[in-house]
């Protein structure tokens, strides 16, 4: 897969994604990261990419020309038009299911806005998806783009060392992940649950599933409405509800 990021702050993207798991995946050529500076495509000798909004109002708006020329340069060698993702609080909230969908693409383009946004005409021309990471406003699209790329890249084979890691993480089957423990066995007078020390894989799996259901019920009950639950899950969930006195 190849990620393309259209941005005014290329160093921010490079520094953010060039470390840890994503950085190692890039170095190992598991996926490619193409960071493109929108400012390189302005015709203004002072490299301005913004201007005052028509109709008045606070702040500045990114001009359509540099964005469009940047986009055309990115796609010039592509066989088909890629999905172009614009980060905006007005967009659909990003989720694990969206990450799984986008991970199937060969090319993804992320457009990072700044100031008061980007001229609507170029958005209408090139953007295929508007996504948000939450109902709040940030200074630019770089942080949301990095969040999404990090999430999507984890689903690419070879990015994670443990092949099971992505499969059993939070939200993968619509539920929150079960609690995790490591050494020492006792810490601050709290002991690792005995079942995890038993070596009985069947009992461990059952305990983890129960804790996953319990944690989801307590912290994100709305997820249970769309989670993939078996008949055994539903029976287990009913017992948990009674234990916790959930009506």
C-alpha atoms as a PDB file:
ATOM      1  CA  UNK A   1       0.000   0.000   0.000  1.00  0.00           C
ATOM      2  CA  UNK A   2       1.032   3.572  -0.609  1.00  0.00           C
ATOM      3  CA  UNK A   3      -0.110   6.499   1.577  1.00  0.00           C
ATOM      4  CA  UNK A   4       0.102  10.013   0.113  1.00  0.00           C
ATOM      5  CA  UNK A   5      -0.234  12.988   2.460  1.00  0.00           C
ATOM      6  CA  UNK A   6      -0.908  16.488   1.120  1.00  0.00           C
ATOM      7  CA  UNK A   7       0.192  18.900   3.828  1.00  0.00           C
ATOM      8  CA  UNK A   8       1.716  22.280   4.658  1.00  0.00           C
ATOM      9  CA  UNK A   9       3.801  20.651   7.407  1.00  0.00           C
ATOM     10  CA  UNK A  10       5.650  17.648   5.944  1.00  0.00           C
ATOM     11  CA  UNK A  11       8.092  17.406   8.854  1.00  0.00           C
ATOM     12  CA  UNK A  12       5.199  16.894  11.255  1.00  0.00           C
ATOM     13  CA  UNK A  13       4.016  13.851   9.278  1.00  0.00           C
ATOM     14  CA  UNK A  14       7.521  12.472   8.760  1.00  0.00           C
ATOM     15  CA  UNK A  15       8.428  12.782  12.437  1.00  0.00           C
ATOM     16  CA  UNK A  16       5.118  11.380  13.647  1.00  0.00           C
ATOM     17  CA  UNK A  17       4.995   8.312  11.411  1.00  0.00           C
ATOM     18  CA  UNK A  18       8.733   7.747  11.079  1.00  0.00           C
ATOM     19  CA  UNK A  19       9.078   6.172  14.524  1.00  0.00           C
ATOM     20  CA  UNK A  20       8.005   2.975  16.296  1.00  0.00           C
ATOM     21  CA  UNK A  21       5.944   0.399  14.384  1.00  0.00           C
ATOM     22  CA  UNK A  22       5.037   2.605  11.420  1.00  0.00           C
ATOM     23  CA  UNK A  23       8.606   3.819  11.041  1.00  0.00           C
ATOM     24  CA  UNK A  24       9.925   0.270  11.024  1.00  0.00           C
ATOM     25  CA  UNK A  25       7.318  -0.762   8.445  1.00  0.00           C
ATOM     26  CA  UNK A  26       8.348   2.121   6.199  1.00  0.00           C
ATOM     27  CA  UNK A  27      12.036   1.257   6.552  1.00  0.00           C
ATOM     28  CA  UNK A  28      11.225  -2.369   5.661  1.00  0.00           C
ATOM     29  CA  UNK A  29       9.196  -1.277   2.617  1.00  0.00           C
ATOM     30  CA  UNK A  30       6.027  -2.923   3.910  1.00  0.00           C
ATOM     31  CA  UNK A  31       4.127   0.207   2.952  1.00  0.00           C
ATOM     32  CA  UNK A  32       5.157   3.503   1.375  1.00  0.00           C
ATOM     33  CA  UNK A  33       4.633   7.008   2.711  1.00  0.00           C
ATOM     34  CA  UNK A  34       4.730   9.857   0.193  1.00  0.00           C
ATOM     35  CA  UNK A  35       4.587  13.254   1.906  1.00  0.00           C
ATOM     36  CA  UNK A  36       3.911  16.171  -0.431  1.00  0.00           C
ATOM     37  CA  UNK A  37       4.185  19.851   0.507  1.00  0.00           C
ATOM     38  CA  UNK A  38       1.208  21.767  -0.890  1.00  0.00           C
ATOM     39  CA  UNK A  39       3.232  24.981  -0.651  1.00  0.00           C
ATOM     40  CA  UNK A  40       5.526  23.709  -3.435  1.00  0.00           C
ATOM     41  CA  UNK A  41       2.637  24.094  -5.887  1.00  0.00           C
ATOM     42  CA  UNK A  42       1.787  27.745  -5.328  1.00  0.00           C
ATOM     43  CA  UNK A  43       2.474  30.297  -8.078  1.00  0.00           C
ATOM     44  CA  UNK A  44       2.884  33.071  -5.512  1.00  0.00           C
ATOM     45  CA  UNK A  45       6.505  34.194  -5.187  1.00  0.00           C
ATOM     46  CA  UNK A  46       6.017  34.485  -1.435  1.00  0.00           C
ATOM     47  CA  UNK A  47       4.665  30.903  -1.285  1.00  0.00           C
ATOM     48  CA  UNK A  48       1.288  31.987   0.047  1.00  0.00           C
ATOM     49  CA  UNK A  49      -1.359  29.275  -0.041  1.00  0.00           C
ATOM     50  CA  UNK A  50      -4.167  31.115   1.748  1.00  0.00           C
ATOM     51  CA  UNK A  51      -6.334  34.191   1.263  1.00  0.00           C
ATOM     52  CA  UNK A  52      -9.225  36.070   2.851  1.00  0.00           C
ATOM     53  CA  UNK A  53     -12.636  34.394   2.532  1.00  0.00           C
ATOM     54  CA  UNK A  54     -15.201  35.888   0.175  1.00  0.00           C
ATOM     55  CA  UNK A  55     -18.111  37.278   2.148  1.00  0.00           C
ATOM     56  CA  UNK A  56     -15.923  38.171   5.099  1.00  0.00           C
ATOM     57  CA  UNK A  57     -15.338  36.311   8.318  1.00  0.00           C
ATOM     58  CA  UNK A  58     -12.510  35.449  10.649  1.00  0.00           C
ATOM     59  CA  UNK A  59      -9.349  33.687   9.538  1.00  0.00           C
ATOM     60  CA  UNK A  60      -7.983  32.632   6.174  1.00  0.00           C
ATOM     61  CA  UNK A  61      -8.902  29.932   3.660  1.00  0.00           C
ATOM     62  CA  UNK A  62      -6.549  27.679   1.707  1.00  0.00           C
ATOM     63  CA  UNK A  63      -6.662  28.474  -2.001  1.00  0.00           C
ATOM     64  CA  UNK A  64      -7.833  25.788  -4.447  1.00  0.00           C
ATOM     65  CA  UNK A  65      -5.012  26.127  -6.982  1.00  0.00           C
ATOM     66  CA  UNK A  66      -2.046  24.759  -4.996  1.00  0.00           C
ATOM     67  CA  UNK A  67      -4.163  21.920  -3.592  1.00  0.00           C
ATOM     68  CA  UNK A  68      -5.372  20.899  -7.039  1.00  0.00           C
ATOM     69  CA  UNK A  69      -1.909  21.050  -8.640  1.00  0.00           C
ATOM     70  CA  UNK A  70      -0.497  18.995  -5.773  1.00  0.00           C
ATOM     71  CA  UNK A  71      -3.237  16.404  -6.241  1.00  0.00           C
ATOM     72  CA  UNK A  72      -2.678  16.198 -10.017  1.00  0.00           C
ATOM     73  CA  UNK A  73       1.035  15.598  -9.478  1.00  0.00           C
ATOM     74  CA  UNK A  74       0.323  12.773  -7.033  1.00  0.00           C
ATOM     75  CA  UNK A  75      -2.092  10.916  -9.308  1.00  0.00           C
ATOM     76  CA  UNK A  76      -0.312  11.467 -12.634  1.00  0.00           C
ATOM     77  CA  UNK A  77       1.064   7.906 -12.758  1.00  0.00           C
ATOM     78  CA  UNK A  78      -1.921   6.126 -11.219  1.00  0.00           C
ATOM     79  CA  UNK A  79      -4.152   3.812 -13.251  1.00  0.00           C
ATOM     80  CA  UNK A  80      -7.320   4.953 -11.496  1.00  0.00           C
ATOM     81  CA  UNK A  81      -8.522   7.791  -9.301  1.00  0.00           C
ATOM     82  CA  UNK A  82      -7.650   7.039  -5.664  1.00  0.00           C
ATOM     83  CA  UNK A  83      -9.767   7.664  -2.613  1.00  0.00           C
ATOM     84  CA  UNK A  84      -8.942  11.098  -1.246  1.00  0.00           C
ATOM     85  CA  UNK A  85      -9.647  11.574   2.436  1.00  0.00           C
ATOM     86  CA  UNK A  86     -10.198  15.051   3.823  1.00  0.00           C
ATOM     87  CA  UNK A  87     -10.004  15.397   7.596  1.00  0.00           C
ATOM     88  CA  UNK A  88     -12.843  17.575   8.885  1.00  0.00           C
ATOM     89  CA  UNK A  89     -15.066  17.682  12.008  1.00  0.00           C
ATOM     90  CA  UNK A  90     -17.991  17.629   9.565  1.00  0.00           C
ATOM     91  CA  UNK A  91     -17.026  14.166   8.317  1.00  0.00           C
ATOM     92  CA  UNK A  92     -18.099  10.691   9.325  1.00  0.00           C
ATOM     93  CA  UNK A  93     -16.372   9.545  12.527  1.00  0.00           C
ATOM     94  CA  UNK A  94     -13.457   7.226  11.791  1.00  0.00           C
ATOM     95  CA  UNK A  95     -13.851   3.687  13.151  1.00  0.00           C
ATOM     96  CA  UNK A  96     -12.228   0.263  13.043  1.00  0.00           C
ATOM     97  CA  UNK A  97     -14.614  -0.856  10.307  1.00  0.00           C
ATOM     98  CA  UNK A  98     -13.614   2.136   8.177  1.00  0.00           C
ATOM     99  CA  UNK A  99      -9.948   1.321   8.810  1.00  0.00           C
ATOM    100  CA  UNK A 100     -10.563  -2.233   7.602  1.00  0.00           C
ATOM    101  CA  UNK A 101     -12.296  -0.938   4.481  1.00  0.00           C
ATOM    102  CA  UNK A 102      -9.520   1.530   3.645  1.00  0.00           C
ATOM    103  CA  UNK A 103      -6.811  -1.076   4.285  1.00  0.00           C
ATOM    104  CA  UNK A 104      -8.014  -2.874   1.146  1.00  0.00           C
ATOM    105  CA  UNK A 105      -6.996   0.059  -1.086  1.00  0.00           C
ATOM    106  CA  UNK A 106      -3.690   0.168  -2.950  1.00  0.00           C
ATOM    107  CA  UNK A 107      -3.407   3.971  -2.825  1.00  0.00           C
ATOM    108  CA  UNK A 108      -4.824   6.419  -0.284  1.00  0.00           C
ATOM    109  CA  UNK A 109      -4.476  10.200  -0.407  1.00  0.00           C
ATOM    110  CA  UNK A 110      -4.906  12.283   2.753  1.00  0.00           C
ATOM    111  CA  UNK A 111      -5.603  15.997   2.406  1.00  0.00           C
ATOM    112  CA  UNK A 112      -4.673  18.040   5.482  1.00  0.00           C
ATOM    113  CA  UNK A 113      -6.424  21.374   5.787  1.00  0.00           C
ATOM    114  CA  UNK A 114      -5.419  24.404   7.837  1.00  0.00           C
ATOM    115  CA  UNK A 115      -6.642  27.868   8.776  1.00  0.00           C
ATOM    116  CA  UNK A 116     -10.451  28.059   8.361  1.00  0.00           C
ATOM    117  CA  UNK A 117     -10.495  25.259   5.816  1.00  0.00           C
ATOM    118  CA  UNK A 118     -10.030  24.792   2.071  1.00  0.00           C
ATOM    119  CA  UNK A 119     -11.868  26.381  -0.845  1.00  0.00           C
ATOM    120  CA  UNK A 120     -15.000  24.273  -1.378  1.00  0.00           C
ATOM    121  CA  UNK A 121     -14.510  23.985  -5.142  1.00  0.00           C
ATOM    122  CA  UNK A 122     -11.371  21.885  -4.937  1.00  0.00           C
ATOM    123  CA  UNK A 123     -12.913  19.713  -2.233  1.00  0.00           C
ATOM    124  CA  UNK A 124     -15.852  18.994  -4.537  1.00  0.00           C
ATOM    125  CA  UNK A 125     -13.437  18.139  -7.337  1.00  0.00           C
ATOM    126  CA  UNK A 126     -11.039  15.728  -5.637  1.00  0.00           C
ATOM    127  CA  UNK A 127     -12.332  14.511  -2.238  1.00  0.00           C
ATOM    128  CA  UNK A 128     -14.082  11.128  -2.046  1.00  0.00           C
ATOM    129  CA  UNK A 129     -14.290  10.729   1.757  1.00  0.00           C
ATOM    130  CA  UNK A 130     -14.681  13.244   4.569  1.00  0.00           C
ATOM    131  CA  UNK A 131     -13.655  11.773   7.932  1.00  0.00           C
ATOM    132  CA  UNK A 132     -13.324  12.987  11.498  1.00  0.00           C
ATOM    133  CA  UNK A 133     -11.593  11.568  14.572  1.00  0.00           C
ATOM    134  CA  UNK A 134     -14.070  13.193  16.935  1.00  0.00           C
ATOM    135  CA  UNK A 135     -16.375  16.091  17.633  1.00  0.00           C
ATOM    136  CA  UNK A 136     -13.724  18.706  18.323  1.00  0.00           C
ATOM    137  CA  UNK A 137     -11.632  21.143  16.293  1.00  0.00           C
ATOM    138  CA  UNK A 138      -7.872  20.877  15.745  1.00  0.00           C
ATOM    139  CA  UNK A 139      -5.456  23.356  14.194  1.00  0.00           C
ATOM    140  CA  UNK A 140      -4.938  21.179  11.137  1.00  0.00           C
ATOM    141  CA  UNK A 141      -5.472  17.822   9.508  1.00  0.00           C
ATOM    142  CA  UNK A 142      -2.052  16.369  10.186  1.00  0.00           C
ATOM    143  CA  UNK A 143      -2.834  14.746  13.531  1.00  0.00           C
ATOM    144  CA  UNK A 144      -6.052  13.083  12.266  1.00  0.00           C
ATOM    145  CA  UNK A 145      -4.205  11.880   9.157  1.00  0.00           C
ATOM    146  CA  UNK A 146      -1.506  10.287  11.301  1.00  0.00           C
ATOM    147  CA  UNK A 147      -4.099   8.656  13.541  1.00  0.00           C
ATOM    148  CA  UNK A 148      -5.855   7.129  10.539  1.00  0.00           C
ATOM    149  CA  UNK A 149      -2.668   6.005   8.810  1.00  0.00           C
ATOM    150  CA  UNK A 150      -1.439   4.395  12.026  1.00  0.00           C
ATOM    151  CA  UNK A 151      -4.736   2.525  12.437  1.00  0.00           C
ATOM    152  CA  UNK A 152      -4.955   1.436   8.791  1.00  0.00           C
ATOM    153  CA  UNK A 153      -1.314   0.402   8.536  1.00  0.00           C
ATOM    154  CA  UNK A 154      -1.657  -2.034  11.455  1.00  0.00           C
ATOM    155  CA  UNK A 155      -3.985  -4.088   9.257  1.00  0.00           C
ATOM    156  CA  UNK A 156      -1.374  -4.473   6.514  1.00  0.00           C
ATOM    157  CA  UNK A 157       0.284  -7.910   6.688  1.00  0.00           C
ATOM    158  CA  UNK A 158       3.808  -7.660   8.069  1.00  0.00           C
ATOM    159  CA  UNK A 159       3.428  -4.348   9.897  1.00  0.00           C
ATOM    160  CA  UNK A 160       2.904  -5.980  13.299  1.00  0.00           C
ATOM    161  CA  UNK A 161       5.413  -8.517  14.560  1.00  0.00           C
ATOM    162  CA  UNK A 162       2.708 -10.743  16.042  1.00  0.00           C
ATOM    163  CA  UNK A 163       0.291 -11.873  13.350  1.00  0.00           C
ATOM    164  CA  UNK A 164      -2.481 -12.232  15.922  1.00  0.00           C
ATOM    165  CA  UNK A 165      -2.127  -8.714  17.336  1.00  0.00           C
ATOM    166  CA  UNK A 166      -4.474  -6.915  14.949  1.00  0.00           C
ATOM    167  CA  UNK A 167      -7.029  -9.704  15.028  1.00  0.00           C
ATOM    168  CA  UNK A 168      -7.610  -9.650  18.767  1.00  0.00           C
ATOM    169  CA  UNK A 169      -7.305  -5.966  19.577  1.00  0.00           C
ATOM    170  CA  UNK A 170     -10.047  -3.661  20.798  1.00  0.00           C
ATOM    171  CA  UNK A 171     -12.949  -3.138  18.377  1.00  0.00           C
ATOM    172  CA  UNK A 172     -11.799  -5.858  15.974  1.00  0.00           C
ATOM    173  CA  UNK A 173     -14.967  -7.874  16.630  1.00  0.00           C
ATOM    174  CA  UNK A 174     -16.970  -4.943  17.934  1.00  0.00           C
ATOM    175  CA  UNK A 175     -15.980  -5.407  21.586  1.00  0.00           C
ATOM    176  CA  UNK A 176     -13.415  -3.813  23.854  1.00  0.00           C
ATOM    177  CA  UNK A 177     -10.299  -5.830  24.606  1.00  0.00           C
ATOM    178  CA  UNK A 178      -9.928  -7.862  27.790  1.00  0.00           C
ATOM    179  CA  UNK A 179      -7.469  -6.731  30.539  1.00  0.00           C
ATOM    180  CA  UNK A 180      -3.786  -7.547  30.011  1.00  0.00           C
ATOM    181  CA  UNK A 181      -1.154  -8.560  32.600  1.00  0.00           C
ATOM    182  CA  UNK A 182       2.578  -9.246  32.672  1.00  0.00           C
ATOM    183  CA  UNK A 183       5.321  -9.828  35.257  1.00  0.00           C
ATOM    184  CA  UNK A 184       5.542  -9.585  38.227  1.00  0.00           C
ATOM    185  CA  UNK A 185       2.747 -11.889  39.369  1.00  0.00           C
ATOM    186  CA  UNK A 186       2.003  -9.555  42.306  1.00  0.00           C
ATOM    187  CA  UNK A 187       2.173  -5.768  42.095  1.00  0.00           C
ATOM    188  CA  UNK A 188       0.924  -3.348  44.783  1.00  0.00           C
ATOM    189  CA  UNK A 189      -0.696  -6.358  46.485  1.00  0.00           C
ATOM    190  CA  UNK A 190      -2.672  -7.102  43.327  1.00  0.00           C
ATOM    191  CA  UNK A 191      -2.187 -10.552  41.829  1.00  0.00           C
ATOM    192  CA  UNK A 192      -2.560 -11.667  38.219  1.00  0.00           C
ATOM    193  CA  UNK A 193      -5.827 -13.648  37.876  1.00  0.00           C
ATOM    194  CA  UNK A 194      -5.177 -17.333  38.592  1.00  0.00           C
ATOM    195  CA  UNK A 195      -6.735 -18.470  35.323  1.00  0.00           C
ATOM    196  CA  UNK A 196      -4.009 -16.701  33.355  1.00  0.00           C
ATOM    197  CA  UNK A 197      -1.365 -18.618  35.287  1.00  0.00           C
ATOM    198  CA  UNK A 198      -3.079 -21.978  34.835  1.00  0.00           C
ATOM    199  CA  UNK A 199      -1.857 -22.746  31.327  1.00  0.00           C
ATOM    200  CA  UNK A 200      -5.346 -24.005  30.429  1.00  0.00           C
ATOM    201  CA  UNK A 201      -5.940 -22.356  27.051  1.00  0.00           C
ATOM    202  CA  UNK A 202      -9.668 -23.108  26.965  1.00  0.00           C
ATOM    203  CA  UNK A 203     -10.297 -21.526  30.353  1.00  0.00           C
ATOM    204  CA  UNK A 204      -8.105 -18.567  29.465  1.00  0.00           C
ATOM    205  CA  UNK A 205     -10.026 -17.964  26.234  1.00  0.00           C
ATOM    206  CA  UNK A 206     -13.345 -18.156  28.092  1.00  0.00           C
ATOM    207  CA  UNK A 207     -12.134 -15.742  30.781  1.00  0.00           C
ATOM    208  CA  UNK A 208     -10.885 -13.278  28.194  1.00  0.00           C
ATOM    209  CA  UNK A 209     -14.165 -13.377  26.289  1.00  0.00           C
ATOM    210  CA  UNK A 210     -16.129 -12.831  29.483  1.00  0.00           C
ATOM    211  CA  UNK A 211     -13.952  -9.870  30.479  1.00  0.00           C
ATOM    212  CA  UNK A 212     -14.249  -8.413  26.993  1.00  0.00           C
ATOM    213  CA  UNK A 213     -18.034  -8.565  27.197  1.00  0.00           C
ATOM    214  CA  UNK A 214     -18.029  -7.200  30.750  1.00  0.00           C
ATOM    215  CA  UNK A 215     -15.720  -4.298  29.901  1.00  0.00           C
ATOM    216  CA  UNK A 216     -17.792  -3.399  26.853  1.00  0.00           C
ATOM    217  CA  UNK A 217     -21.003  -3.476  28.896  1.00  0.00           C
ATOM    218  CA  UNK A 218     -19.496  -1.195  31.546  1.00  0.00           C
ATOM    219  CA  UNK A 219     -17.595   1.237  29.332  1.00  0.00           C
ATOM    220  CA  UNK A 220     -19.150   1.242  25.863  1.00  0.00           C
ATOM    221  CA  UNK A 221     -22.553  -0.492  26.070  1.00  0.00           C
ATOM    222  CA  UNK A 222     -23.652   0.974  22.731  1.00  0.00           C
ATOM    223  CA  UNK A 223     -21.094  -1.262  20.987  1.00  0.00           C
ATOM    224  CA  UNK A 224     -23.051  -4.350  22.002  1.00  0.00           C
ATOM    225  CA  UNK A 225     -25.859  -3.320  19.652  1.00  0.00           C
ATOM    226  CA  UNK A 226     -23.699  -4.002  16.599  1.00  0.00           C
ATOM    227  CA  UNK A 227     -21.104  -6.461  17.952  1.00  0.00           C
ATOM    228  CA  UNK A 228     -20.808  -9.948  16.491  1.00  0.00           C
ATOM    229  CA  UNK A 229     -22.148 -12.084  19.360  1.00  0.00           C
ATOM    230  CA  UNK A 230     -22.579 -15.857  19.294  1.00  0.00           C
ATOM    231  CA  UNK A 231     -25.249 -17.681  21.302  1.00  0.00           C
ATOM    232  CA  UNK A 232     -22.594 -18.473  23.905  1.00  0.00           C
ATOM    233  CA  UNK A 233     -21.678 -14.778  24.043  1.00  0.00           C
ATOM    234  CA  UNK A 234     -25.297 -13.830  24.600  1.00  0.00           C
ATOM    235  CA  UNK A 235     -25.656 -16.363  27.430  1.00  0.00           C
ATOM    236  CA  UNK A 236     -22.435 -15.137  28.992  1.00  0.00           C
ATOM    237  CA  UNK A 237     -23.556 -11.521  28.648  1.00  0.00           C
ATOM    238  CA  UNK A 238     -26.848 -12.293  30.384  1.00  0.00           C
ATOM    239  CA  UNK A 239     -24.946 -13.822  33.336  1.00  0.00           C
ATOM    240  CA  UNK A 240     -22.708 -10.733  33.472  1.00  0.00           C
ATOM    241  CA  UNK A 241     -25.747  -8.445  33.499  1.00  0.00           C
ATOM    242  CA  UNK A 242     -27.208 -10.361  36.450  1.00  0.00           C
ATOM    243  CA  UNK A 243     -23.878 -10.383  38.288  1.00  0.00           C
ATOM    244  CA  UNK A 244     -23.492  -6.631  37.853  1.00  0.00           C
ATOM    245  CA  UNK A 245     -27.198  -6.050  38.530  1.00  0.00           C
ATOM    246  CA  UNK A 246     -27.783  -4.536  35.095  1.00  0.00           C
ATOM    247  CA  UNK A 247     -31.478  -4.311  34.260  1.00  0.00           C
END
